[in-house]
Amino acid sequence: MIRFQNEGELAFEELVDNKTEEVRVRDLVLYNDDVNTFDFVIQCLIEVCKHDALQAEQCTYIVHYNGKCTVKTGSYLQLNPMRQALLDRGLSAVID
């Protein structure tokens, strides 16, 4: 179920052990750098974020031209392992 919270944040409810728990939707944001190649970033997005080749390429161009791009959305628990995997590969990523 998707609904809007009073503060204007998008949230959804997740069923956990027959209990409903509200989870804040967050963004995994990838930042541009002058070190990694397009092909390397594309491969990382395919492996870590499970993007298809076209989606990974588009995100890479957005990062290159805009300085950053949201590459995945979800709960903090879903995104944190992906963020860490991107960091381990030398990329710059944060969860907003």
N, C-alpha and C. Protein backbone atom coordinates (compact mmCIF):
# COMPACT_ATOMS: atom_id res chain seq x y z
N MET A 1 0.85 -1.17 0.00
CA MET A 1 0.00 0.00 0.00
C MET A 1 0.89 1.23 0.00
N ILE A 2 0.64 2.17 -0.89
CA ILE A 2 1.39 3.43 -0.94
C ILE A 2 0.49 4.54 -0.44
N ARG A 3 1.06 5.39 0.41
CA ARG A 3 0.31 6.54 0.89
C ARG A 3 1.29 7.66 1.18
N PHE A 4 0.76 8.88 1.35
CA PHE A 4 1.61 10.00 1.67
C PHE A 4 1.55 10.29 3.15
N GLN A 5 2.72 10.54 3.75
CA GLN A 5 2.77 10.92 5.15
C GLN A 5 2.46 12.41 5.27
N ASN A 6 2.21 12.86 6.48
CA ASN A 6 1.90 14.27 6.72
C ASN A 6 3.03 15.20 6.28
N GLU A 7 4.28 14.76 6.42
CA GLU A 7 5.42 15.62 6.05
C GLU A 7 5.63 15.65 4.55
N GLY A 8 4.83 14.92 3.77
CA GLY A 8 4.98 14.91 2.34
C GLY A 8 5.91 13.82 1.83
N GLU A 9 6.45 12.98 2.70
CA GLU A 9 7.33 11.91 2.28
C GLU A 9 6.52 10.72 1.80
N LEU A 10 6.98 10.10 0.75
CA LEU A 10 6.35 8.89 0.27
C LEU A 10 6.74 7.74 1.18
N ALA A 11 5.76 6.95 1.59
CA ALA A 11 6.04 5.82 2.48
C ALA A 11 5.22 4.64 2.02
N PHE A 12 5.60 3.46 2.44
CA PHE A 12 4.78 2.30 2.16
C PHE A 12 4.77 1.42 3.40
N GLU A 13 3.79 0.54 3.44
CA GLU A 13 3.68 -0.35 4.57
C GLU A 13 4.15 -1.72 4.15
N GLU A 14 4.86 -2.37 5.04
CA GLU A 14 5.44 -3.68 4.76
C GLU A 14 4.92 -4.67 5.80
N LEU A 15 4.46 -5.81 5.33
CA LEU A 15 3.97 -6.83 6.23
C LEU A 15 5.14 -7.67 6.73
N VAL A 16 5.35 -7.66 8.05
CA VAL A 16 6.45 -8.39 8.65
C VAL A 16 5.88 -9.19 9.82
N ASP A 17 5.97 -10.51 9.72
CA ASP A 17 5.47 -11.40 10.78
C ASP A 17 4.06 -11.01 11.21
N ASN A 18 3.17 -10.86 10.25
CA ASN A 18 1.77 -10.52 10.50
C ASN A 18 1.59 -9.17 11.18
N LYS A 19 2.59 -8.32 11.11
CA LYS A 19 2.49 -6.96 11.63
C LYS A 19 2.73 -6.00 10.48
N THR A 20 2.07 -4.85 10.51
CA THR A 20 2.29 -3.84 9.50
C THR A 20 3.29 -2.84 10.05
N GLU A 21 4.35 -2.61 9.26
CA GLU A 21 5.41 -1.72 9.68
C GLU A 21 5.61 -0.67 8.58
N GLU A 22 5.65 0.60 8.96
CA GLU A 22 5.87 1.66 7.99
C GLU A 22 7.36 1.80 7.72
N VAL A 23 7.73 1.86 6.45
CA VAL A 23 9.12 1.96 6.04
C VAL A 23 9.29 3.19 5.17
N ARG A 24 10.27 4.02 5.49
CA ARG A 24 10.53 5.22 4.71
C ARG A 24 11.26 4.84 3.42
N VAL A 25 10.77 5.35 2.30
CA VAL A 25 11.41 5.11 1.01
C VAL A 25 12.60 6.07 0.90
N ARG A 26 13.76 5.51 0.57
CA ARG A 26 14.99 6.29 0.46
C ARG A 26 15.58 6.12 -0.94
N ASP A 27 16.56 6.94 -1.26
CA ASP A 27 17.22 6.91 -2.56
C ASP A 27 18.68 6.52 -2.39
N LEU A 28 19.15 5.65 -3.26
CA LEU A 28 20.57 5.36 -3.37
C LEU A 28 21.11 6.24 -4.49
N VAL A 29 21.97 7.18 -4.12
CA VAL A 29 22.46 8.19 -5.05
C VAL A 29 23.93 7.92 -5.37
N LEU A 30 24.23 7.84 -6.65
CA LEU A 30 25.60 7.65 -7.13
C LEU A 30 26.13 8.99 -7.59
N TYR A 31 27.38 9.31 -7.19
CA TYR A 31 28.00 10.58 -7.54
C TYR A 31 29.10 10.39 -8.57
N ASN A 32 29.33 11.42 -9.34
CA ASN A 32 30.35 11.42 -10.38
C ASN A 32 31.75 11.47 -9.76
N ASP A 33 32.71 10.89 -10.46
CA ASP A 33 34.12 11.02 -10.09
C ASP A 33 34.94 11.08 -11.37
N ASP A 34 36.19 11.39 -11.24
CA ASP A 34 37.08 11.49 -12.39
C ASP A 34 37.99 10.27 -12.50
N VAL A 35 37.66 9.19 -11.80
CA VAL A 35 38.53 8.03 -11.73
C VAL A 35 37.99 6.85 -12.54
N ASN A 36 36.73 6.52 -12.35
CA ASN A 36 36.16 5.30 -12.92
C ASN A 36 35.64 5.52 -14.34
N THR A 37 35.79 4.49 -15.16
CA THR A 37 35.35 4.57 -16.55
C THR A 37 33.85 4.30 -16.66
N PHE A 38 33.27 4.72 -17.79
CA PHE A 38 31.86 4.47 -18.05
C PHE A 38 31.57 2.97 -17.99
N ASP A 39 32.40 2.18 -18.64
CA ASP A 39 32.17 0.73 -18.68
C ASP A 39 32.20 0.12 -17.28
N PHE A 40 33.11 0.58 -16.44
CA PHE A 40 33.20 0.05 -15.08
C PHE A 40 31.95 0.40 -14.28
N VAL A 41 31.50 1.64 -14.37
CA VAL A 41 30.31 2.07 -13.62
C VAL A 41 29.08 1.31 -14.12
N ILE A 42 28.96 1.15 -15.43
CA ILE A 42 27.85 0.40 -15.99
C ILE A 42 27.86 -1.03 -15.45
N GLN A 43 29.01 -1.67 -15.45
CA GLN A 43 29.11 -3.05 -14.95
C GLN A 43 28.74 -3.12 -13.47
N CYS A 44 29.16 -2.14 -12.68
CA CYS A 44 28.82 -2.11 -11.25
C CYS A 44 27.32 -1.99 -11.05
N LEU A 45 26.67 -1.13 -11.82
CA LEU A 45 25.22 -0.96 -11.68
C LEU A 45 24.48 -2.23 -12.08
N ILE A 46 24.97 -2.92 -13.07
CA ILE A 46 24.35 -4.19 -13.48
C ILE A 46 24.52 -5.23 -12.37
N GLU A 47 25.71 -5.36 -11.83
CA GLU A 47 25.99 -6.38 -10.83
C GLU A 47 25.36 -6.06 -9.47
N VAL A 48 25.48 -4.83 -9.02
CA VAL A 48 25.06 -4.47 -7.67
C VAL A 48 23.58 -4.11 -7.60
N CYS A 49 23.13 -3.27 -8.52
CA CYS A 49 21.76 -2.76 -8.46
C CYS A 49 20.79 -3.54 -9.33
N LYS A 50 21.32 -4.55 -10.04
CA LYS A 50 20.50 -5.40 -10.92
C LYS A 50 19.82 -4.61 -12.04
N HIS A 51 20.51 -3.57 -12.53
CA HIS A 51 20.02 -2.82 -13.69
C HIS A 51 20.23 -3.65 -14.94
N ASP A 52 19.39 -3.40 -15.96
CA ASP A 52 19.71 -3.98 -17.26
C ASP A 52 20.74 -3.04 -17.91
N ALA A 53 21.31 -3.45 -19.02
CA ALA A 53 22.40 -2.68 -19.63
C ALA A 53 21.97 -1.27 -20.01
N LEU A 54 20.78 -1.11 -20.56
CA LEU A 54 20.31 0.22 -20.97
C LEU A 54 20.11 1.14 -19.77
N GLN A 55 19.48 0.63 -18.72
CA GLN A 55 19.26 1.43 -17.52
C GLN A 55 20.59 1.84 -16.89
N ALA A 56 21.53 0.92 -16.82
CA ALA A 56 22.84 1.23 -16.25
C ALA A 56 23.55 2.30 -17.07
N GLU A 57 23.48 2.19 -18.39
CA GLU A 57 24.11 3.18 -19.26
C GLU A 57 23.47 4.55 -19.08
N GLN A 58 22.15 4.60 -19.02
CA GLN A 58 21.46 5.88 -18.85
C GLN A 58 21.83 6.53 -17.52
N CYS A 59 21.86 5.74 -16.44
CA CYS A 59 22.24 6.27 -15.14
C CYS A 59 23.68 6.80 -15.16
N THR A 60 24.55 6.09 -15.84
CA THR A 60 25.94 6.52 -15.93
C THR A 60 26.06 7.87 -16.64
N TYR A 61 25.31 8.05 -17.71
CA TYR A 61 25.34 9.35 -18.41
C TYR A 61 24.75 10.46 -17.54
N ILE A 62 23.69 10.17 -16.81
CA ILE A 62 23.10 11.17 -15.91
C ILE A 62 24.12 11.56 -14.84
N VAL A 63 24.82 10.58 -14.26
CA VAL A 63 25.86 10.87 -13.27
C VAL A 63 26.94 11.74 -13.89
N HIS A 64 27.36 11.41 -15.10
CA HIS A 64 28.43 12.15 -15.76
C HIS A 64 28.04 13.61 -16.01
N TYR A 65 26.84 13.82 -16.52
CA TYR A 65 26.43 15.18 -16.91
C TYR A 65 25.81 15.99 -15.78
N ASN A 66 25.18 15.33 -14.80
CA ASN A 66 24.51 16.06 -13.71
C ASN A 66 25.26 15.98 -12.38
N GLY A 67 26.27 15.14 -12.31
CA GLY A 67 27.04 15.02 -11.08
C GLY A 67 26.53 13.96 -10.12
N LYS A 68 25.27 13.55 -10.30
CA LYS A 68 24.71 12.51 -9.44
C LYS A 68 23.45 11.96 -10.08
N CYS A 69 23.02 10.79 -9.59
CA CYS A 69 21.80 10.16 -10.09
C CYS A 69 21.29 9.18 -9.04
N THR A 70 19.98 9.18 -8.84
CA THR A 70 19.36 8.16 -8.00
C THR A 70 19.33 6.87 -8.82
N VAL A 71 20.02 5.85 -8.34
CA VAL A 71 20.13 4.60 -9.09
C VAL A 71 19.20 3.51 -8.56
N LYS A 72 18.65 3.71 -7.35
CA LYS A 72 17.74 2.72 -6.78
C LYS A 72 16.95 3.39 -5.65
N THR A 73 15.73 2.94 -5.43
CA THR A 73 14.94 3.40 -4.29
C THR A 73 14.49 2.19 -3.50
N GLY A 74 14.28 2.40 -2.21
CA GLY A 74 13.83 1.32 -1.33
C GLY A 74 14.06 1.69 0.11
N SER A 75 13.95 0.72 0.99
CA SER A 75 14.19 0.96 2.41
C SER A 75 15.70 1.01 2.66
N TYR A 76 16.07 1.56 3.79
CA TYR A 76 17.48 1.63 4.16
C TYR A 76 18.10 0.23 4.20
N LEU A 77 17.35 -0.72 4.75
CA LEU A 77 17.87 -2.09 4.86
C LEU A 77 18.11 -2.73 3.49
N GLN A 78 17.32 -2.38 2.49
CA GLN A 78 17.53 -2.89 1.14
C GLN A 78 18.71 -2.22 0.46
N LEU A 79 18.84 -0.90 0.67
CA LEU A 79 19.83 -0.12 -0.06
C LEU A 79 21.23 -0.16 0.55
N ASN A 80 21.35 -0.34 1.85
CA ASN A 80 22.66 -0.26 2.49
C ASN A 80 23.66 -1.29 1.95
N PRO A 81 23.27 -2.55 1.73
CA PRO A 81 24.25 -3.49 1.14
C PRO A 81 24.69 -3.07 -0.27
N MET A 82 23.78 -2.48 -1.04
CA MET A 82 24.14 -2.00 -2.38
C MET A 82 25.08 -0.82 -2.29
N ARG A 83 24.80 0.10 -1.36
CA ARG A 83 25.69 1.25 -1.16
C ARG A 83 27.08 0.77 -0.81
N GLN A 84 27.17 -0.19 0.12
CA GLN A 84 28.47 -0.70 0.55
C GLN A 84 29.20 -1.39 -0.59
N ALA A 85 28.47 -2.13 -1.41
CA ALA A 85 29.09 -2.81 -2.55
C ALA A 85 29.63 -1.80 -3.56
N LEU A 86 28.91 -0.70 -3.78
CA LEU A 86 29.39 0.34 -4.68
C LEU A 86 30.63 1.02 -4.09
N LEU A 87 30.61 1.29 -2.79
CA LEU A 87 31.77 1.88 -2.13
C LEU A 87 32.98 0.95 -2.21
N ASP A 88 32.75 -0.35 -2.01
CA ASP A 88 33.84 -1.33 -2.08
C ASP A 88 34.48 -1.36 -3.47
N ARG A 89 33.72 -0.98 -4.48
CA ARG A 89 34.23 -0.95 -5.86
C ARG A 89 34.86 0.41 -6.21
N GLY A 90 34.92 1.31 -5.23
CA GLY A 90 35.56 2.60 -5.45
C GLY A 90 34.64 3.69 -5.96
N LEU A 91 33.33 3.45 -5.96
CA LEU A 91 32.38 4.46 -6.40
C LEU A 91 31.91 5.28 -5.20
N SER A 92 31.33 6.42 -5.46
CA SER A 92 30.84 7.30 -4.40
C SER A 92 29.32 7.24 -4.40
N ALA A 93 28.75 6.71 -3.30
CA ALA A 93 27.30 6.56 -3.21
C ALA A 93 26.84 6.84 -1.79
N VAL A 94 25.65 7.41 -1.68
CA VAL A 94 25.04 7.69 -0.37
C VAL A 94 23.56 7.30 -0.42
N ILE A 95 22.99 7.13 0.76
CA ILE A 95 21.56 6.91 0.87
C ILE A 95 20.95 8.19 1.40
N ASP A 96 20.03 8.76 0.63
CA ASP A 96 19.31 9.97 1.06
C ASP A 96 17.95 9.60 1.58
